[in-house]
Every structure is written in structure tokens, then in C-alpha cells.
């Protein structure tokens, strides 16, 4: 399978989900996340699921907004700090080298509130053909 076939739809989904956040304050826009797709492969032994991995670069002030995933999300912070919060829970700061997990359907968000950029490695195990992430329904 050509890499372009993997990256094009994933990039659109990932960018839409991860970057469709923030509000415009005065003349400044909220910084956007940079999503770099790495891999999209079937999950061995489970033809209805796939594993998607990507790198997310978080400029200071960037965030995801409230959203969910149709499968598991596993994240490791590679650089900087990311603040994660599951709806109904206290926010938790994850520093470089720390990891976290978001279960399917759980409303959550993540932000970089630090003055330095952050970078994460994200792995999703989702149902084949479903979007990786969706904005939280209100």
C-alpha cells in the first residue's frame, strides 16, 4: 500500500479532530497542533480493527478540545508537558517520558499550557473505517 493512500485520509481526520479547537481571542488564533501520521495497519487477528500511530507537536497554548475516540488511545509524551483531563476528573500533567491511556468513548481533552512546545507519540486501536477521533457531543 502506498504511503500517500495511508496518510491522506489519516491526515485529514487527524487534523480535523486535533486542530478543530480553540477560539479566536482578539486578532490572535489559538495555536494549532501539527499532526504527523506514521503508520496505519490492520490489527493482527482482528480484521475489523486497525492500529494508527502519529506524532503530535503541541505549540504553547495548543489543545484538542473535548473529544472521544471509538477505540483505545495510548499516548507517550516525548518532549515538554501535556495536561490531560477526562470529563469529571481533575487535570493531570504528563511530562516527557510519561504515558497515559484514554478508553473508548471517554470524553477528554489535552492541552499544552506551558511556555515551551511539547511532542507526543500517539497510538490508536480503533474500528476499521471509523474516524480516529470525534468532537464531544453536547
N, C-alpha and C. Protein backbone atom coordinates (compact mmCIF):
# COMPACT_ATOMS: atom_id res chain seq x y z
N UNK A 1 0.85 -1.18 0.00
CA UNK A 1 0.00 0.00 0.00
C UNK A 1 0.89 1.23 0.00
N UNK A 2 0.58 2.20 -0.84
CA UNK A 2 1.39 3.40 -0.92
C UNK A 2 1.15 4.28 0.30
N UNK A 3 2.23 4.91 0.76
CA UNK A 3 2.16 5.75 1.94
C UNK A 3 1.16 6.89 1.75
N UNK A 4 1.08 7.44 0.55
CA UNK A 4 0.16 8.54 0.30
C UNK A 4 -1.29 8.13 0.55
N UNK A 5 -1.64 6.87 0.23
CA UNK A 5 -3.00 6.39 0.46
C UNK A 5 -3.31 6.30 1.94
N UNK A 6 -2.30 6.01 2.73
CA UNK A 6 -2.48 5.93 4.18
C UNK A 6 -2.55 7.32 4.78
N UNK A 7 -1.65 8.19 4.36
CA UNK A 7 -1.51 9.48 5.01
C UNK A 7 -2.60 10.47 4.67
N UNK A 8 -3.07 10.47 3.43
CA UNK A 8 -4.05 11.48 3.03
C UNK A 8 -5.31 11.45 3.89
N UNK A 9 -6.02 10.30 3.99
CA UNK A 9 -7.23 10.30 4.81
C UNK A 9 -6.93 10.47 6.30
N UNK A 10 -5.83 9.89 6.77
CA UNK A 10 -5.49 10.00 8.17
C UNK A 10 -5.17 11.44 8.53
N UNK A 11 -4.42 12.10 7.67
CA UNK A 11 -4.07 13.49 7.93
C UNK A 11 -5.32 14.35 8.05
N UNK A 12 -6.26 14.17 7.15
CA UNK A 12 -7.48 14.96 7.19
C UNK A 12 -8.25 14.70 8.47
N UNK A 13 -8.42 13.43 8.83
CA UNK A 13 -9.14 13.09 10.05
C UNK A 13 -8.42 13.62 11.27
N UNK A 14 -7.12 13.36 11.33
CA UNK A 14 -6.35 13.77 12.50
C UNK A 14 -6.32 15.29 12.64
N UNK A 15 -6.07 15.97 11.55
CA UNK A 15 -6.01 17.42 11.62
C UNK A 15 -7.35 18.02 11.98
N UNK A 16 -8.42 17.49 11.41
CA UNK A 16 -9.74 17.99 11.73
C UNK A 16 -10.04 17.81 13.20
N UNK A 17 -9.76 16.62 13.71
CA UNK A 17 -10.08 16.32 15.10
C UNK A 17 -9.18 17.05 16.08
N UNK A 18 -7.88 17.01 15.83
CA UNK A 18 -6.96 17.57 16.78
C UNK A 18 -6.82 19.09 16.66
N UNK A 19 -7.11 19.65 15.52
CA UNK A 19 -6.89 21.07 15.33
C UNK A 19 -8.16 21.90 15.35
N UNK A 20 -9.30 21.26 15.41
CA UNK A 20 -10.57 21.99 15.40
C UNK A 20 -10.90 22.45 16.81
N UNK A 21 -9.95 23.14 17.40
CA UNK A 21 -10.15 23.61 18.76
C UNK A 21 -9.75 25.06 18.84
N UNK A 22 -10.01 25.62 19.97
CA UNK A 22 -9.56 26.96 20.22
C UNK A 22 -10.56 27.99 19.76
N UNK A 23 -10.39 29.15 20.30
CA UNK A 23 -11.25 30.25 19.94
C UNK A 23 -10.37 31.40 19.49
N UNK A 24 -10.97 32.33 18.82
CA UNK A 24 -10.21 33.50 18.39
C UNK A 24 -10.34 34.55 19.47
N UNK A 25 -9.22 34.99 19.96
CA UNK A 25 -9.19 35.99 21.01
C UNK A 25 -8.56 37.24 20.41
N UNK A 26 -9.37 38.25 20.20
CA UNK A 26 -8.85 39.44 19.55
C UNK A 26 -8.44 39.09 18.13
N UNK A 27 -7.20 39.41 17.78
CA UNK A 27 -6.71 39.13 16.44
C UNK A 27 -5.86 37.87 16.40
N UNK A 28 -5.66 37.22 17.55
CA UNK A 28 -4.80 36.05 17.58
C UNK A 28 -5.62 34.77 17.59
N UNK A 29 -5.17 33.80 16.81
CA UNK A 29 -5.79 32.47 16.82
C UNK A 29 -5.06 31.59 17.81
N UNK A 30 -5.79 30.63 18.35
CA UNK A 30 -5.15 29.64 19.21
C UNK A 30 -4.18 28.82 18.37
N UNK A 31 -2.99 28.54 18.88
CA UNK A 31 -2.02 27.74 18.12
C UNK A 31 -2.61 26.38 17.75
N UNK A 32 -2.27 25.89 16.60
CA UNK A 32 -2.78 24.61 16.10
C UNK A 32 -1.75 23.51 16.31
N UNK A 33 -2.25 22.32 16.53
CA UNK A 33 -1.39 21.15 16.65
C UNK A 33 -0.89 20.74 15.28
N UNK A 34 0.32 20.21 15.23
CA UNK A 34 0.85 19.66 13.99
C UNK A 34 0.84 18.14 14.14
N UNK A 35 0.10 17.47 13.26
CA UNK A 35 -0.05 16.02 13.33
C UNK A 35 0.73 15.38 12.18
N UNK A 36 1.61 14.45 12.51
CA UNK A 36 2.38 13.73 11.50
C UNK A 36 2.02 12.24 11.57
N UNK A 37 1.23 11.74 10.62
CA UNK A 37 0.90 10.32 10.61
C UNK A 37 2.14 9.47 10.37
N UNK A 38 2.23 8.35 11.08
CA UNK A 38 3.37 7.45 10.93
C UNK A 38 2.97 6.12 10.31
N UNK A 39 1.89 5.54 10.81
CA UNK A 39 1.54 4.18 10.37
C UNK A 39 0.04 3.94 10.56
N UNK A 40 -0.50 3.12 9.66
CA UNK A 40 -1.89 2.67 9.75
C UNK A 40 -1.91 1.24 9.24
N UNK A 41 -2.15 0.28 10.14
CA UNK A 41 -2.07 -1.14 9.79
C UNK A 41 -3.22 -1.90 10.42
N UNK A 42 -3.64 -3.01 9.80
CA UNK A 42 -4.65 -3.86 10.43
C UNK A 42 -4.10 -4.45 11.73
N UNK A 43 -4.99 -4.68 12.69
CA UNK A 43 -4.59 -5.32 13.94
C UNK A 43 -4.59 -6.83 13.69
N UNK A 44 -3.47 -7.46 13.91
CA UNK A 44 -3.32 -8.89 13.65
C UNK A 44 -4.40 -9.69 14.39
N UNK A 45 -5.08 -10.55 13.63
CA UNK A 45 -6.09 -11.42 14.20
C UNK A 45 -7.44 -10.77 14.41
N UNK A 46 -7.55 -9.46 14.14
CA UNK A 46 -8.82 -8.74 14.29
C UNK A 46 -9.05 -7.87 13.06
N UNK A 47 -9.61 -8.45 12.01
CA UNK A 47 -9.75 -7.74 10.74
C UNK A 47 -10.64 -6.50 10.80
N UNK A 48 -11.43 -6.36 11.85
CA UNK A 48 -12.31 -5.20 11.98
C UNK A 48 -11.64 -4.03 12.72
N UNK A 49 -10.36 -4.20 13.10
CA UNK A 49 -9.66 -3.14 13.84
C UNK A 49 -8.35 -2.79 13.15
N UNK A 50 -7.89 -1.55 13.41
CA UNK A 50 -6.61 -1.11 12.88
C UNK A 50 -5.86 -0.32 13.94
N UNK A 51 -4.55 -0.26 13.76
CA UNK A 51 -3.67 0.47 14.66
C UNK A 51 -3.12 1.66 13.89
N UNK A 52 -3.26 2.83 14.48
CA UNK A 52 -2.80 4.07 13.84
C UNK A 52 -1.83 4.75 14.80
N UNK A 53 -0.67 5.14 14.29
CA UNK A 53 0.28 5.86 15.13
C UNK A 53 0.64 7.19 14.48
N UNK A 54 0.89 8.17 15.33
CA UNK A 54 1.24 9.50 14.83
C UNK A 54 2.03 10.27 15.87
N UNK A 55 2.68 11.32 15.41
CA UNK A 55 3.37 12.27 16.28
C UNK A 55 2.55 13.55 16.28
N UNK A 56 2.35 14.12 17.48
CA UNK A 56 1.65 15.39 17.59
C UNK A 56 2.60 16.40 18.21
N UNK A 57 2.75 17.53 17.53
CA UNK A 57 3.56 18.63 18.06
C UNK A 57 2.61 19.69 18.60
N UNK A 58 2.83 20.07 19.85
CA UNK A 58 1.96 20.96 20.59
C UNK A 58 2.65 22.31 20.84
N UNK A 59 2.34 23.34 20.07
CA UNK A 59 2.89 24.66 20.40
C UNK A 59 2.30 25.13 21.74
N UNK A 60 2.96 26.05 22.42
CA UNK A 60 2.39 26.58 23.65
C UNK A 60 0.98 27.11 23.38
N UNK A 61 0.05 26.75 24.25
CA UNK A 61 -1.33 27.21 24.12
C UNK A 61 -2.22 26.33 23.27
N UNK A 62 -1.68 25.32 22.61
CA UNK A 62 -2.48 24.44 21.75
C UNK A 62 -3.23 23.41 22.58
N UNK A 63 -4.38 22.97 22.05
CA UNK A 63 -5.16 21.95 22.74
C UNK A 63 -6.10 21.24 21.79
N UNK A 64 -6.69 20.16 22.27
CA UNK A 64 -7.56 19.34 21.45
C UNK A 64 -9.03 19.70 21.54
N UNK A 65 -9.46 20.33 22.63
CA UNK A 65 -10.88 20.48 22.88
C UNK A 65 -11.44 19.14 23.34
N UNK A 66 -12.65 19.15 23.84
CA UNK A 66 -13.27 17.91 24.31
C UNK A 66 -13.60 17.01 23.13
N UNK A 67 -13.21 15.73 23.25
CA UNK A 67 -13.44 14.78 22.16
C UNK A 67 -13.46 13.36 22.70
N UNK A 68 -13.78 12.41 21.84
CA UNK A 68 -13.76 10.98 22.17
C UNK A 68 -13.06 10.21 21.06
N UNK A 69 -12.80 8.93 21.32
CA UNK A 69 -12.24 8.02 20.32
C UNK A 69 -13.09 6.76 20.28
N UNK A 70 -13.25 6.14 19.12
CA UNK A 70 -14.02 4.91 19.03
C UNK A 70 -13.21 3.67 19.45
N UNK A 71 -12.05 3.90 19.97
CA UNK A 71 -11.18 2.82 20.44
C UNK A 71 -10.21 3.37 21.46
N UNK A 72 -9.21 2.59 21.81
CA UNK A 72 -8.23 3.00 22.81
C UNK A 72 -7.20 3.96 22.23
N UNK A 73 -6.79 4.91 23.07
CA UNK A 73 -5.70 5.84 22.73
C UNK A 73 -4.60 5.65 23.77
N UNK A 74 -3.37 5.46 23.30
CA UNK A 74 -2.20 5.35 24.16
C UNK A 74 -1.24 6.46 23.76
N UNK A 75 -0.85 7.29 24.73
CA UNK A 75 -0.01 8.44 24.43
C UNK A 75 1.21 8.46 25.33
N UNK A 76 2.36 8.77 24.73
CA UNK A 76 3.59 8.98 25.48
C UNK A 76 4.10 10.39 25.15
N UNK A 77 4.41 11.15 26.17
CA UNK A 77 4.97 12.48 25.98
C UNK A 77 6.46 12.33 25.70
N UNK A 78 6.88 12.84 24.56
CA UNK A 78 8.29 12.76 24.14
C UNK A 78 9.09 13.98 24.58
N UNK A 79 8.44 15.14 24.54
CA UNK A 79 9.09 16.40 24.91
C UNK A 79 8.07 17.30 25.59
N UNK A 80 8.53 18.11 26.54
CA UNK A 80 7.67 19.08 27.18
C UNK A 80 6.65 18.45 28.12
N UNK A 81 5.51 19.12 28.26
CA UNK A 81 4.43 18.67 29.14
C UNK A 81 3.09 18.83 28.46
N UNK A 82 2.20 17.88 28.72
CA UNK A 82 0.83 17.94 28.22
C UNK A 82 -0.09 17.73 29.42
N UNK A 83 -1.13 18.54 29.49
CA UNK A 83 -2.12 18.40 30.56
C UNK A 83 -3.31 17.65 29.99
N UNK A 84 -3.65 16.53 30.59
CA UNK A 84 -4.79 15.74 30.16
C UNK A 84 -5.88 15.77 31.20
N UNK A 85 -7.14 15.76 30.73
CA UNK A 85 -8.26 15.75 31.66
C UNK A 85 -9.40 14.96 31.06
N UNK A 86 -9.85 13.95 31.81
CA UNK A 86 -11.05 13.21 31.44
C UNK A 86 -12.23 13.91 32.09
N UNK A 87 -13.34 14.00 31.37
CA UNK A 87 -14.51 14.69 31.88
C UNK A 87 -14.90 14.12 33.24
N UNK A 88 -15.12 15.00 34.21
CA UNK A 88 -15.48 14.58 35.55
C UNK A 88 -14.29 14.30 36.44
N UNK A 89 -13.08 14.45 35.92
CA UNK A 89 -11.86 14.19 36.69
C UNK A 89 -10.98 15.44 36.73
N UNK A 90 -10.05 15.42 37.65
CA UNK A 90 -9.07 16.50 37.75
C UNK A 90 -8.07 16.39 36.61
N UNK A 91 -7.54 17.52 36.18
CA UNK A 91 -6.49 17.54 35.16
C UNK A 91 -5.21 16.95 35.74
N UNK A 92 -4.41 16.32 34.87
CA UNK A 92 -3.14 15.75 35.29
C UNK A 92 -2.07 16.16 34.28
N UNK A 93 -0.91 16.55 34.78
CA UNK A 93 0.20 16.94 33.92
C UNK A 93 1.10 15.74 33.67
N UNK A 94 1.40 15.53 32.38
CA UNK A 94 2.29 14.44 31.96
C UNK A 94 3.54 15.06 31.36
N UNK A 95 4.68 14.70 31.89
CA UNK A 95 5.97 15.22 31.43
C UNK A 95 6.63 14.21 30.50
N UNK A 96 7.69 14.65 29.85
CA UNK A 96 8.44 13.78 28.94
C UNK A 96 8.76 12.46 29.62
N UNK A 97 8.47 11.36 28.91
CA UNK A 97 8.71 10.03 29.43
C UNK A 97 7.50 9.41 30.09
N UNK A 98 6.46 10.19 30.35
CA UNK A 98 5.25 9.66 30.97
C UNK A 98 4.21 9.33 29.90
N UNK A 99 3.35 8.37 30.23
CA UNK A 99 2.32 7.91 29.29
C UNK A 99 0.95 7.94 29.94
N UNK A 100 -0.08 7.96 29.08
CA UNK A 100 -1.45 7.85 29.58
C UNK A 100 -2.31 7.11 28.56
N UNK A 101 -3.48 6.70 29.02
CA UNK A 101 -4.41 5.90 28.21
C UNK A 101 -5.80 6.50 28.33
N UNK A 102 -6.48 6.63 27.20
CA UNK A 102 -7.89 7.05 27.18
C UNK A 102 -8.71 5.91 26.60
N UNK A 103 -9.73 5.51 27.34
CA UNK A 103 -10.58 4.41 26.94
C UNK A 103 -11.56 4.86 25.86
N UNK A 104 -12.11 3.91 25.09
CA UNK A 104 -13.09 4.25 24.05
C UNK A 104 -14.30 4.98 24.63
N UNK A 105 -14.71 6.04 23.93
CA UNK A 105 -15.93 6.76 24.29
C UNK A 105 -15.81 7.72 25.45
N UNK A 106 -14.66 7.77 26.12
CA UNK A 106 -14.49 8.67 27.26
C UNK A 106 -14.21 10.08 26.75
N UNK A 107 -15.00 11.04 27.21
CA UNK A 107 -14.80 12.45 26.82
C UNK A 107 -13.57 12.97 27.56
N UNK A 108 -12.65 13.53 26.81
CA UNK A 108 -11.41 14.05 27.39
C UNK A 108 -10.84 15.16 26.53
N UNK A 109 -9.80 15.80 27.06
CA UNK A 109 -9.08 16.84 26.32
C UNK A 109 -7.64 16.87 26.78
N UNK A 110 -6.79 17.47 25.97
CA UNK A 110 -5.38 17.64 26.33
C UNK A 110 -4.94 19.01 25.85
N UNK A 111 -4.01 19.60 26.59
CA UNK A 111 -3.54 20.95 26.29
C UNK A 111 -2.07 21.10 26.64
N UNK A 112 -1.42 22.04 25.97
CA UNK A 112 -0.08 22.46 26.34
C UNK A 112 -0.20 23.88 26.88
N UNK A 113 -0.21 24.00 28.19
CA UNK A 113 -0.35 25.31 28.83
C UNK A 113 1.00 25.90 29.21
N UNK A 114 2.07 25.18 28.87
CA UNK A 114 3.42 25.64 29.19
C UNK A 114 3.88 26.67 28.16
N UNK A 115 5.01 27.29 28.44
CA UNK A 115 5.56 28.28 27.50
C UNK A 115 6.48 27.64 26.46
N UNK A 116 6.75 26.34 26.62
CA UNK A 116 7.60 25.62 25.67
C UNK A 116 6.76 24.61 24.87
N UNK A 117 7.19 24.27 23.65
CA UNK A 117 6.46 23.27 22.87
C UNK A 117 6.52 21.88 23.52
N UNK A 118 5.60 21.03 23.12
CA UNK A 118 5.58 19.64 23.58
C UNK A 118 5.42 18.74 22.36
N UNK A 119 5.74 17.46 22.53
CA UNK A 119 5.59 16.49 21.44
C UNK A 119 5.13 15.17 22.05
N UNK A 120 4.15 14.53 21.40
CA UNK A 120 3.67 13.23 21.87
C UNK A 120 3.68 12.20 20.74
N UNK A 121 3.76 10.94 21.15
CA UNK A 121 3.61 9.80 20.26
C UNK A 121 2.29 9.16 20.65
N UNK A 122 1.35 9.11 19.69
CA UNK A 122 0.00 8.60 19.96
C UNK A 122 -0.25 7.34 19.15
N UNK A 123 -0.85 6.35 19.81
CA UNK A 123 -1.25 5.11 19.14
C UNK A 123 -2.73 4.90 19.42
N UNK A 124 -3.47 4.62 18.36
CA UNK A 124 -4.91 4.37 18.46
C UNK A 124 -5.20 2.96 17.96
N UNK A 125 -6.05 2.24 18.68
CA UNK A 125 -6.56 0.95 18.23
C UNK A 125 -8.06 1.16 18.06
N UNK A 126 -8.49 1.26 16.81
CA UNK A 126 -9.87 1.66 16.52
C UNK A 126 -10.54 0.71 15.53
N UNK A 127 -11.85 0.81 15.47
CA UNK A 127 -12.59 0.04 14.48
C UNK A 127 -12.24 0.55 13.09
N UNK A 128 -11.98 -0.37 12.20
CA UNK A 128 -11.60 -0.03 10.83
C UNK A 128 -12.70 0.83 10.19
N UNK A 129 -12.28 1.89 9.53
CA UNK A 129 -13.20 2.74 8.80
C UNK A 129 -13.84 3.84 9.63
N UNK A 130 -13.67 3.83 10.93
CA UNK A 130 -14.24 4.88 11.77
C UNK A 130 -13.21 6.00 11.94
N UNK A 131 -13.68 7.22 12.18
CA UNK A 131 -12.73 8.31 12.42
C UNK A 131 -11.92 8.03 13.69
N UNK A 132 -10.71 8.50 13.72
CA UNK A 132 -9.85 8.29 14.87
C UNK A 132 -10.39 9.02 16.09
N UNK A 133 -10.97 10.17 15.86
CA UNK A 133 -11.46 11.00 16.96
C UNK A 133 -12.68 11.78 16.50
N UNK A 134 -13.54 12.11 17.45
CA UNK A 134 -14.73 12.92 17.16
C UNK A 134 -14.92 13.94 18.26
N UNK A 135 -15.37 15.15 17.90
CA UNK A 135 -15.66 16.14 18.94
C UNK A 135 -16.73 15.58 19.89
N UNK A 136 -16.64 15.97 21.14
CA UNK A 136 -17.63 15.51 22.13
C UNK A 136 -19.00 16.06 21.78
N UNK A 137 -19.99 15.22 21.88
CA UNK A 137 -21.37 15.62 21.58
C UNK A 137 -21.98 16.24 22.83
N UNK A 138 -22.59 17.35 22.66
CA UNK A 138 -23.22 18.08 23.78
C UNK A 138 -24.69 18.13 23.58
